[in-house]
Amino acid sequence: MSKIGDVKIKLHRQPQGTIKTCTITVKNGKYYACFSCEVDPQQLPVSDKKVGIDLGLLHLAVTLDGTTFEAPKQLRRNESRLKQLQRSVTRKKCGSNRKKKAVRILAKLHERRIAAKTQLATFYNALSYSNH
């Protein structure tokens, strides 16, 4: 990288196409690199299949043929912990080290919630494009 030099990275997958830009961000003390790549668009195969999906509260999704999909439990599990941590942060004295520590812990939990919601959105997308 220009101005920085060589940087070690952990790739969770290989970038597709040619890398155009790289943006470095810091979230909760962790560094992340976001690559923008130029990729040739691929045509999706034309299909006449259709499926109806009902998004509900008891089951995450129910398809037209009766197949049910359950929601990941991470979203519900973190709600009570989030409520507890938010109360804890508001009760701490402003500027204290304990408040700073509580804010860091709360930020980590928010990051996990965002990751769980992203995982859920990815699941919805995969469910809608899969062949049932």
N, C-alpha and C. Protein backbone atom coordinates (compact mmCIF):
# COMPACT_ATOMS: atom_id res chain seq x y z
N MET A 1 0.85 -1.17 0.00
CA MET A 1 0.00 0.00 0.00
C MET A 1 0.89 1.24 0.00
N SER A 2 0.45 2.25 -0.74
CA SER A 2 1.23 3.47 -0.78
C SER A 2 1.16 4.17 0.58
N LYS A 3 2.24 4.80 0.95
CA LYS A 3 2.39 5.55 2.20
C LYS A 3 2.49 4.65 3.44
N ILE A 4 2.12 3.38 3.33
CA ILE A 4 2.16 2.48 4.48
C ILE A 4 3.21 1.40 4.28
N GLY A 5 3.22 0.78 3.12
CA GLY A 5 4.13 -0.32 2.84
C GLY A 5 3.37 -1.63 2.78
N ASP A 6 4.07 -2.72 3.05
CA ASP A 6 3.46 -4.04 3.02
C ASP A 6 2.64 -4.27 4.29
N VAL A 7 1.47 -4.89 4.10
CA VAL A 7 0.56 -5.15 5.21
C VAL A 7 0.11 -6.60 5.11
N LYS A 8 0.14 -7.32 6.24
CA LYS A 8 -0.36 -8.70 6.27
C LYS A 8 -1.88 -8.66 6.39
N ILE A 9 -2.55 -9.53 5.64
CA ILE A 9 -4.01 -9.59 5.71
C ILE A 9 -4.45 -11.04 5.76
N LYS A 10 -5.66 -11.25 6.28
CA LYS A 10 -6.31 -12.55 6.26
C LYS A 10 -7.50 -12.44 5.33
N LEU A 11 -7.45 -13.16 4.23
CA LEU A 11 -8.56 -13.15 3.27
C LEU A 11 -9.53 -14.27 3.60
N HIS A 12 -10.81 -13.94 3.71
CA HIS A 12 -11.80 -14.99 3.93
C HIS A 12 -12.28 -15.56 2.61
N ARG A 13 -11.97 -14.85 1.50
CA ARG A 13 -12.23 -15.37 0.16
C ARG A 13 -11.38 -14.56 -0.81
N GLN A 14 -11.11 -15.13 -1.97
CA GLN A 14 -10.31 -14.45 -2.98
C GLN A 14 -11.13 -13.36 -3.66
N PRO A 15 -10.55 -12.19 -3.89
CA PRO A 15 -11.28 -11.14 -4.62
C PRO A 15 -11.53 -11.56 -6.06
N GLN A 16 -12.70 -11.25 -6.57
CA GLN A 16 -13.06 -11.57 -7.95
C GLN A 16 -12.75 -10.36 -8.82
N GLY A 17 -12.21 -10.57 -10.01
CA GLY A 17 -11.92 -9.48 -10.93
C GLY A 17 -10.64 -8.76 -10.57
N THR A 18 -10.56 -7.49 -11.01
CA THR A 18 -9.37 -6.69 -10.75
C THR A 18 -9.66 -5.71 -9.62
N ILE A 19 -8.72 -5.60 -8.68
CA ILE A 19 -8.89 -4.70 -7.53
C ILE A 19 -8.63 -3.27 -7.99
N LYS A 20 -9.58 -2.37 -7.72
CA LYS A 20 -9.46 -0.97 -8.11
C LYS A 20 -9.03 -0.10 -6.94
N THR A 21 -9.69 -0.23 -5.78
CA THR A 21 -9.35 0.58 -4.61
C THR A 21 -9.38 -0.29 -3.36
N CYS A 22 -8.76 0.22 -2.31
CA CYS A 22 -8.76 -0.45 -1.01
C CYS A 22 -8.99 0.61 0.05
N THR A 23 -9.99 0.40 0.91
CA THR A 23 -10.31 1.33 1.98
C THR A 23 -10.03 0.64 3.31
N ILE A 24 -9.26 1.30 4.18
CA ILE A 24 -8.94 0.77 5.50
C ILE A 24 -9.82 1.48 6.52
N THR A 25 -10.54 0.72 7.35
CA THR A 25 -11.39 1.30 8.39
C THR A 25 -11.04 0.66 9.74
N VAL A 26 -11.35 1.38 10.81
CA VAL A 26 -11.13 0.88 12.16
C VAL A 26 -12.48 0.83 12.86
N LYS A 27 -12.85 -0.35 13.35
CA LYS A 27 -14.09 -0.52 14.11
C LYS A 27 -13.77 -1.28 15.39
N ASN A 28 -14.06 -0.67 16.52
CA ASN A 28 -13.83 -1.29 17.83
C ASN A 28 -12.40 -1.79 18.00
N GLY A 29 -11.44 -1.01 17.52
CA GLY A 29 -10.04 -1.37 17.69
C GLY A 29 -9.53 -2.40 16.71
N LYS A 30 -10.34 -2.81 15.73
CA LYS A 30 -9.92 -3.78 14.73
C LYS A 30 -9.86 -3.08 13.38
N TYR A 31 -8.85 -3.43 12.59
CA TYR A 31 -8.67 -2.84 11.27
C TYR A 31 -9.29 -3.76 10.21
N TYR A 32 -10.00 -3.16 9.26
CA TYR A 32 -10.65 -3.89 8.18
C TYR A 32 -10.26 -3.26 6.85
N ALA A 33 -10.05 -4.08 5.84
CA ALA A 33 -9.77 -3.60 4.49
C ALA A 33 -10.94 -3.97 3.61
N CYS A 34 -11.43 -2.99 2.87
CA CYS A 34 -12.55 -3.20 1.95
C CYS A 34 -12.04 -2.97 0.53
N PHE A 35 -12.09 -3.99 -0.30
CA PHE A 35 -11.60 -3.91 -1.67
C PHE A 35 -12.76 -3.66 -2.62
N SER A 36 -12.57 -2.73 -3.55
CA SER A 36 -13.53 -2.51 -4.64
C SER A 36 -12.94 -3.16 -5.88
N CYS A 37 -13.69 -4.08 -6.47
CA CYS A 37 -13.21 -4.84 -7.62
C CYS A 37 -14.11 -4.60 -8.82
N GLU A 38 -13.51 -4.66 -9.99
CA GLU A 38 -14.27 -4.57 -11.23
C GLU A 38 -14.48 -5.98 -11.76
N VAL A 39 -15.73 -6.37 -11.90
CA VAL A 39 -16.08 -7.73 -12.31
C VAL A 39 -17.02 -7.65 -13.50
N ASP A 40 -16.82 -8.55 -14.47
CA ASP A 40 -17.75 -8.64 -15.59
C ASP A 40 -19.06 -9.24 -15.10
N PRO A 41 -20.20 -8.63 -15.43
CA PRO A 41 -21.48 -9.17 -14.96
C PRO A 41 -21.79 -10.52 -15.61
N GLN A 42 -22.41 -11.40 -14.81
CA GLN A 42 -22.79 -12.72 -15.32
C GLN A 42 -24.30 -12.77 -15.48
N GLN A 43 -24.75 -13.39 -16.54
CA GLN A 43 -26.18 -13.56 -16.77
C GLN A 43 -26.70 -14.72 -15.94
N LEU A 44 -27.79 -14.49 -15.23
CA LEU A 44 -28.43 -15.57 -14.49
C LEU A 44 -29.27 -16.40 -15.45
N PRO A 45 -29.34 -17.71 -15.22
CA PRO A 45 -30.16 -18.53 -16.10
C PRO A 45 -31.64 -18.18 -15.94
N VAL A 46 -32.35 -18.17 -17.06
CA VAL A 46 -33.78 -17.86 -17.04
C VAL A 46 -34.53 -19.08 -16.53
N SER A 47 -35.45 -18.85 -15.59
CA SER A 47 -36.21 -19.95 -15.01
C SER A 47 -37.68 -19.54 -14.93
N ASP A 48 -38.55 -20.51 -15.15
CA ASP A 48 -39.98 -20.24 -15.03
C ASP A 48 -40.52 -20.71 -13.68
N LYS A 49 -39.63 -21.18 -12.79
CA LYS A 49 -40.06 -21.65 -11.48
C LYS A 49 -40.39 -20.45 -10.59
N LYS A 50 -41.42 -20.61 -9.78
CA LYS A 50 -41.82 -19.56 -8.85
C LYS A 50 -42.06 -20.20 -7.49
N VAL A 51 -41.80 -19.44 -6.44
CA VAL A 51 -42.03 -19.94 -5.10
C VAL A 51 -42.58 -18.79 -4.26
N GLY A 52 -43.52 -19.13 -3.37
CA GLY A 52 -44.07 -18.14 -2.44
C GLY A 52 -43.43 -18.34 -1.08
N ILE A 53 -42.96 -17.25 -0.47
CA ILE A 53 -42.31 -17.32 0.83
C ILE A 53 -43.05 -16.41 1.79
N ASP A 54 -43.47 -16.98 2.94
CA ASP A 54 -44.15 -16.21 3.98
C ASP A 54 -43.18 -16.00 5.13
N LEU A 55 -42.86 -14.73 5.42
CA LEU A 55 -41.97 -14.41 6.54
C LEU A 55 -42.82 -14.21 7.77
N GLY A 56 -42.51 -14.96 8.84
CA GLY A 56 -43.38 -14.91 10.01
C GLY A 56 -42.61 -14.74 11.31
N LEU A 57 -43.35 -14.83 12.42
CA LEU A 57 -42.76 -14.68 13.74
C LEU A 57 -42.41 -16.02 14.37
N LEU A 58 -43.29 -17.01 14.24
CA LEU A 58 -43.00 -18.33 14.81
C LEU A 58 -41.90 -19.03 14.03
N HIS A 59 -41.99 -18.99 12.71
CA HIS A 59 -40.98 -19.56 11.83
C HIS A 59 -40.40 -18.42 11.01
N LEU A 60 -39.12 -18.50 10.73
CA LEU A 60 -38.47 -17.45 9.95
C LEU A 60 -39.13 -17.32 8.58
N ALA A 61 -39.32 -18.45 7.92
CA ALA A 61 -39.94 -18.44 6.60
C ALA A 61 -40.65 -19.76 6.37
N VAL A 62 -41.76 -19.69 5.65
CA VAL A 62 -42.51 -20.87 5.25
C VAL A 62 -42.75 -20.75 3.75
N THR A 63 -42.33 -21.77 2.99
CA THR A 63 -42.52 -21.73 1.55
C THR A 63 -43.92 -22.23 1.20
N LEU A 64 -44.26 -22.09 -0.06
CA LEU A 64 -45.59 -22.46 -0.54
C LEU A 64 -45.87 -23.95 -0.36
N ASP A 65 -44.83 -24.79 -0.48
CA ASP A 65 -45.03 -26.23 -0.33
C ASP A 65 -44.98 -26.70 1.12
N GLY A 66 -44.85 -25.78 2.10
CA GLY A 66 -44.91 -26.13 3.52
C GLY A 66 -43.57 -26.31 4.21
N THR A 67 -42.48 -26.10 3.50
CA THR A 67 -41.16 -26.20 4.12
C THR A 67 -40.94 -25.02 5.05
N THR A 68 -40.51 -25.30 6.29
CA THR A 68 -40.28 -24.22 7.26
C THR A 68 -38.79 -24.05 7.50
N PHE A 69 -38.38 -22.81 7.77
CA PHE A 69 -37.00 -22.47 8.07
C PHE A 69 -36.99 -21.72 9.38
N GLU A 70 -36.09 -22.10 10.28
CA GLU A 70 -36.01 -21.47 11.60
C GLU A 70 -34.98 -20.36 11.59
N ALA A 71 -35.20 -19.35 12.44
CA ALA A 71 -34.30 -18.20 12.52
C ALA A 71 -33.08 -18.53 13.37
N PRO A 72 -31.94 -17.93 13.05
CA PRO A 72 -30.79 -18.07 13.95
C PRO A 72 -31.11 -17.44 15.30
N LYS A 73 -30.64 -18.06 16.38
CA LYS A 73 -31.00 -17.61 17.72
C LYS A 73 -30.15 -16.45 18.23
N GLN A 74 -29.15 -16.02 17.45
CA GLN A 74 -28.26 -14.97 17.93
C GLN A 74 -28.99 -13.66 18.16
N LEU A 75 -29.95 -13.33 17.32
CA LEU A 75 -30.65 -12.05 17.46
C LEU A 75 -31.42 -11.99 18.77
N ARG A 76 -32.19 -13.04 19.08
CA ARG A 76 -32.99 -13.03 20.30
C ARG A 76 -32.12 -13.13 21.55
N ARG A 77 -31.01 -13.86 21.45
CA ARG A 77 -30.15 -14.09 22.60
C ARG A 77 -29.47 -12.80 23.06
N ASN A 78 -29.13 -11.93 22.12
CA ASN A 78 -28.39 -10.72 22.46
C ASN A 78 -29.28 -9.58 22.94
N GLU A 79 -30.60 -9.68 22.76
CA GLU A 79 -31.49 -8.57 23.12
C GLU A 79 -31.47 -8.26 24.61
N SER A 80 -31.55 -9.28 25.47
CA SER A 80 -31.56 -9.03 26.91
C SER A 80 -30.20 -8.52 27.38
N ARG A 81 -29.13 -9.04 26.81
CA ARG A 81 -27.78 -8.58 27.17
C ARG A 81 -27.60 -7.12 26.75
N LEU A 82 -28.14 -6.76 25.60
CA LEU A 82 -28.05 -5.38 25.12
C LEU A 82 -28.77 -4.43 26.06
N LYS A 83 -29.95 -4.81 26.48
CA LYS A 83 -30.73 -3.98 27.41
C LYS A 83 -29.96 -3.77 28.72
N GLN A 84 -29.37 -4.84 29.23
CA GLN A 84 -28.61 -4.78 30.48
C GLN A 84 -27.39 -3.87 30.33
N LEU A 85 -26.66 -3.99 29.22
CA LEU A 85 -25.46 -3.18 29.03
C LEU A 85 -25.79 -1.70 28.82
N GLN A 86 -26.89 -1.41 28.13
CA GLN A 86 -27.28 -0.01 27.93
C GLN A 86 -27.62 0.65 29.26
N ARG A 87 -28.31 -0.06 30.13
CA ARG A 87 -28.60 0.47 31.47
C ARG A 87 -27.31 0.68 32.25
N SER A 88 -26.39 -0.27 32.12
CA SER A 88 -25.13 -0.18 32.84
C SER A 88 -24.33 1.05 32.40
N VAL A 89 -24.31 1.33 31.11
CA VAL A 89 -23.57 2.48 30.59
C VAL A 89 -24.16 3.78 31.11
N THR A 90 -25.49 3.88 31.12
CA THR A 90 -26.12 5.13 31.55
C THR A 90 -25.92 5.40 33.04
N ARG A 91 -25.70 4.37 33.83
CA ARG A 91 -25.53 4.54 35.27
C ARG A 91 -24.09 4.87 35.67
N LYS A 92 -23.15 4.75 34.75
CA LYS A 92 -21.75 5.05 35.06
C LYS A 92 -21.51 6.55 35.01
N LYS A 93 -20.54 7.01 35.79
CA LYS A 93 -20.19 8.43 35.84
C LYS A 93 -19.45 8.82 34.55
N CYS A 94 -19.84 9.96 33.97
CA CYS A 94 -19.24 10.42 32.72
C CYS A 94 -17.74 10.65 32.89
N GLY A 95 -16.97 10.18 31.92
CA GLY A 95 -15.53 10.37 31.94
C GLY A 95 -14.76 9.33 32.72
N SER A 96 -15.44 8.42 33.41
CA SER A 96 -14.73 7.42 34.22
C SER A 96 -14.23 6.28 33.34
N ASN A 97 -13.23 5.59 33.83
CA ASN A 97 -12.68 4.44 33.10
C ASN A 97 -13.70 3.31 33.01
N ARG A 98 -14.53 3.17 34.03
CA ARG A 98 -15.56 2.12 34.01
C ARG A 98 -16.58 2.39 32.91
N LYS A 99 -16.93 3.67 32.69
CA LYS A 99 -17.87 4.00 31.62
C LYS A 99 -17.24 3.71 30.26
N LYS A 100 -15.96 4.06 30.11
CA LYS A 100 -15.27 3.79 28.84
C LYS A 100 -15.24 2.30 28.54
N LYS A 101 -14.99 1.50 29.58
CA LYS A 101 -14.95 0.05 29.41
C LYS A 101 -16.34 -0.48 29.04
N ALA A 102 -17.38 0.03 29.71
CA ALA A 102 -18.75 -0.41 29.43
C ALA A 102 -19.16 -0.03 28.01
N VAL A 103 -18.73 1.15 27.55
CA VAL A 103 -19.04 1.59 26.18
C VAL A 103 -18.36 0.68 25.17
N ARG A 104 -17.10 0.28 25.45
CA ARG A 104 -16.39 -0.63 24.54
C ARG A 104 -17.11 -1.98 24.46
N ILE A 105 -17.55 -2.50 25.60
CA ILE A 105 -18.25 -3.79 25.61
C ILE A 105 -19.57 -3.68 24.86
N LEU A 106 -20.29 -2.57 25.05
CA LEU A 106 -21.56 -2.34 24.35
C LEU A 106 -21.33 -2.24 22.84
N ALA A 107 -20.25 -1.57 22.43
CA ALA A 107 -19.94 -1.45 21.01
C ALA A 107 -19.66 -2.82 20.39
N LYS A 108 -18.98 -3.69 21.13
CA LYS A 108 -18.71 -5.04 20.62
C LYS A 108 -20.01 -5.82 20.44
N LEU A 109 -20.94 -5.66 21.38
CA LEU A 109 -22.22 -6.36 21.26
C LEU A 109 -23.01 -5.83 20.06
N HIS A 110 -22.99 -4.52 19.85
CA HIS A 110 -23.66 -3.94 18.68
C HIS A 110 -23.05 -4.49 17.39
N GLU A 111 -21.74 -4.66 17.38
CA GLU A 111 -21.07 -5.21 16.20
C GLU A 111 -21.53 -6.64 15.94
N ARG A 112 -21.68 -7.44 17.01
CA ARG A 112 -22.17 -8.81 16.85
C ARG A 112 -23.61 -8.83 16.34
N ARG A 113 -24.44 -7.88 16.82
CA ARG A 113 -25.83 -7.81 16.36
C ARG A 113 -25.89 -7.47 14.88
N ILE A 114 -25.05 -6.55 14.45
CA ILE A 114 -25.02 -6.18 13.04
C ILE A 114 -24.59 -7.38 12.20
N ALA A 115 -23.60 -8.13 12.68
CA ALA A 115 -23.15 -9.32 11.97
C ALA A 115 -24.27 -10.35 11.88
N ALA A 116 -25.04 -10.52 12.96
CA ALA A 116 -26.15 -11.47 12.96
C ALA A 116 -27.24 -11.03 11.99
N LYS A 117 -27.53 -9.72 11.95
CA LYS A 117 -28.55 -9.22 11.02
C LYS A 117 -28.09 -9.38 9.57
N THR A 118 -26.80 -9.17 9.32
CA THR A 118 -26.26 -9.38 7.99
C THR A 118 -26.36 -10.84 7.60
N GLN A 119 -26.09 -11.72 8.57
CA GLN A 119 -26.20 -13.16 8.31
C GLN A 119 -27.65 -13.52 7.99
N LEU A 120 -28.58 -12.91 8.68
CA LEU A 120 -30.00 -13.17 8.43
C LEU A 120 -30.40 -12.68 7.03
N ALA A 121 -29.92 -11.50 6.64
CA ALA A 121 -30.23 -10.97 5.31
C ALA A 121 -29.63 -11.87 4.23
N THR A 122 -28.43 -12.39 4.47
CA THR A 122 -27.81 -13.31 3.53
C THR A 122 -28.61 -14.60 3.44
N PHE A 123 -29.13 -15.06 4.57
CA PHE A 123 -29.96 -16.26 4.59
C PHE A 123 -31.23 -16.05 3.77
N TYR A 124 -31.89 -14.88 3.96
CA TYR A 124 -33.09 -14.56 3.17
C TYR A 124 -32.78 -14.57 1.68
N ASN A 125 -31.65 -13.98 1.32
CA ASN A 125 -31.27 -13.91 -0.09
C ASN A 125 -31.01 -15.30 -0.65
N ALA A 126 -30.29 -16.13 0.10
CA ALA A 126 -30.00 -17.49 -0.35
C ALA A 126 -31.28 -18.31 -0.45
N LEU A 127 -32.20 -18.09 0.49
CA LEU A 127 -33.47 -18.82 0.49
C LEU A 127 -34.30 -18.46 -0.74
N SER A 128 -34.30 -17.18 -1.10
CA SER A 128 -35.13 -16.76 -2.22
C SER A 128 -34.55 -17.20 -3.56
N TYR A 129 -33.22 -17.39 -3.64
CA TYR A 129 -32.61 -17.79 -4.90
C TYR A 129 -32.37 -19.28 -5.02
N SER A 130 -32.58 -20.05 -3.94
CA SER A 130 -32.33 -21.49 -4.02
C SER A 130 -33.47 -22.17 -4.77
N ASN A 131 -33.17 -23.35 -5.29
CA ASN A 131 -34.16 -24.11 -6.06
C ASN A 131 -34.94 -25.03 -5.13
N HIS A 132 -36.15 -24.64 -4.76
CA HIS A 132 -36.99 -25.48 -3.90
C HIS A 132 -38.09 -26.08 -4.72
